[in-house]
Amino acid sequence: MRVIYLDNAASTWPKPPEVKERMAEAIENFAANPGRGGHALAMKASKAVFRTRVELARLFGIQNPNDLFFYMNATQALNQAIKGLLQEGDHVVTSSIEHNSVRRPLEYMARTKNVEITYVEPREDQLYDPEDFEKAMKPNTRLVAVSHASNLTGVILPIAQIGEIAKKFQALFLVDASQTAGVLPIHVQEMKIDMLAFPGHKGLYGPQGTGGLYVQPDVDLEPLIHGGTGSQSEAIEQPTTRPDRYESGTVNTAGLAGLHAGVSFVLEKGVDHIHAHEWKLTKQTLAGLHQIEGVEVYGPGIEVERVGVISFNIAGADAAEVSFILDQQYGIATRAGYHCTPLGHRTAGTEQRGAVRASYGVYNTEQDVEALLNAVREIASAFQSS
């Protein structure tokens, strides 16, 4: 049975063939330690890592590639941004759909540093109004931290307007682009983004174990990890030069070589083209699910553009059971549960039951959508007749 993969919000699959090829090339031809030697193989490794910085800078409108730091994932990047910035008594404005990768570090800082958090709620249509973020700002607001799009409902936040509000109140602006990097246009200068966290293994089509954080040059974070950087080794303190200050230890050279191929793939395809493809499949799915009796779909209506994420439940059925049936009987891979966003589930009204989530990538087709709809139709009918 052919697997229909609809869990791209967790990790995109399949990857472009060039990703595997670049990773194999790195391991076979220059698997030396980047930045830790002057010999030819170490220099090749360093150049491969830098090329990835340059390609990402091109994608995100970053002026200096050295203002972009590599981590294993967006979670590590977000922890560096939040814990490296906030101090005793700071105030943070965030949204009520945040992933635990934002919420948990913020709540940790609330417990340990007396940081105050305001969670902005959506309007009745589940969309966020920039005016509500402005109303939440205070004199001691140090940071505005928001997800660009929800990993539960796909709702897109107006980050350009929120960035303007942050600047108006002289607060820093952190964006979690876990669901939008490679899917929606992002330009850090135009959108007033001071810090941008992103994974490599989702919309950038790179391997797992890759991700990063952009930090604008005027922002100095306290490094979370201290250690060897390959530069200023004689100094006791962590280097001040970027990116070394925030990249202690050996980076994932082979993974970053693969990420370079993934980002190049995205740039060649075009972010607008990728989003248009995923939105087309999303609209097809929403239209079909709304016609199936007993199915409840979450998030804004079909007329509101979102990223390729749809969550739903079937009356009388447990979300995990539905996802299991989709996998075992129909060969359709979805995700069920709470998707690491209890805040998002509270906002969507699914706090007690979770939801089944289908999420699209560039390789999905209209035939995949029809297969999902047919399967959900049969499952819903079975539960209604039982």
Foldseek 3Di string as FASTA:
>chain_A
DDFAEFALLVFDPDFPPVLVVLLVCCVVPQVDFALQDDDDSNPVLVVLLLLLLVLLCVQAQNDDSLLKAKFLFLLVQLLQVLVQDDAAPAEEEEELQDFCSNVVSQVVCCVVRVYHYDHFADPPLRARDLVSSLVPDDLRHAEYEYEQAHQAAQHGHPQLSNLVSCVVSVHAYEYEDAPPRLADRHHCVNSNHQKYWYGLRHNLRFDRRIIIMRGPPVDDTQAPDDADQSPPVVDPDQDPGGPSSHDHDGGPSSRSSSSSVSSVVSVVCDNVNFNVQLLVLQLVLLVLQVPAPQKDKWHGDNVRGGGNKTWIDGPPDAQVVLQVCCCPVVSYHWDWDANSGCSSCVSRVNNPGTTIMGGDGSPRDNVSSVSVSVSVNVVNVVSVVD
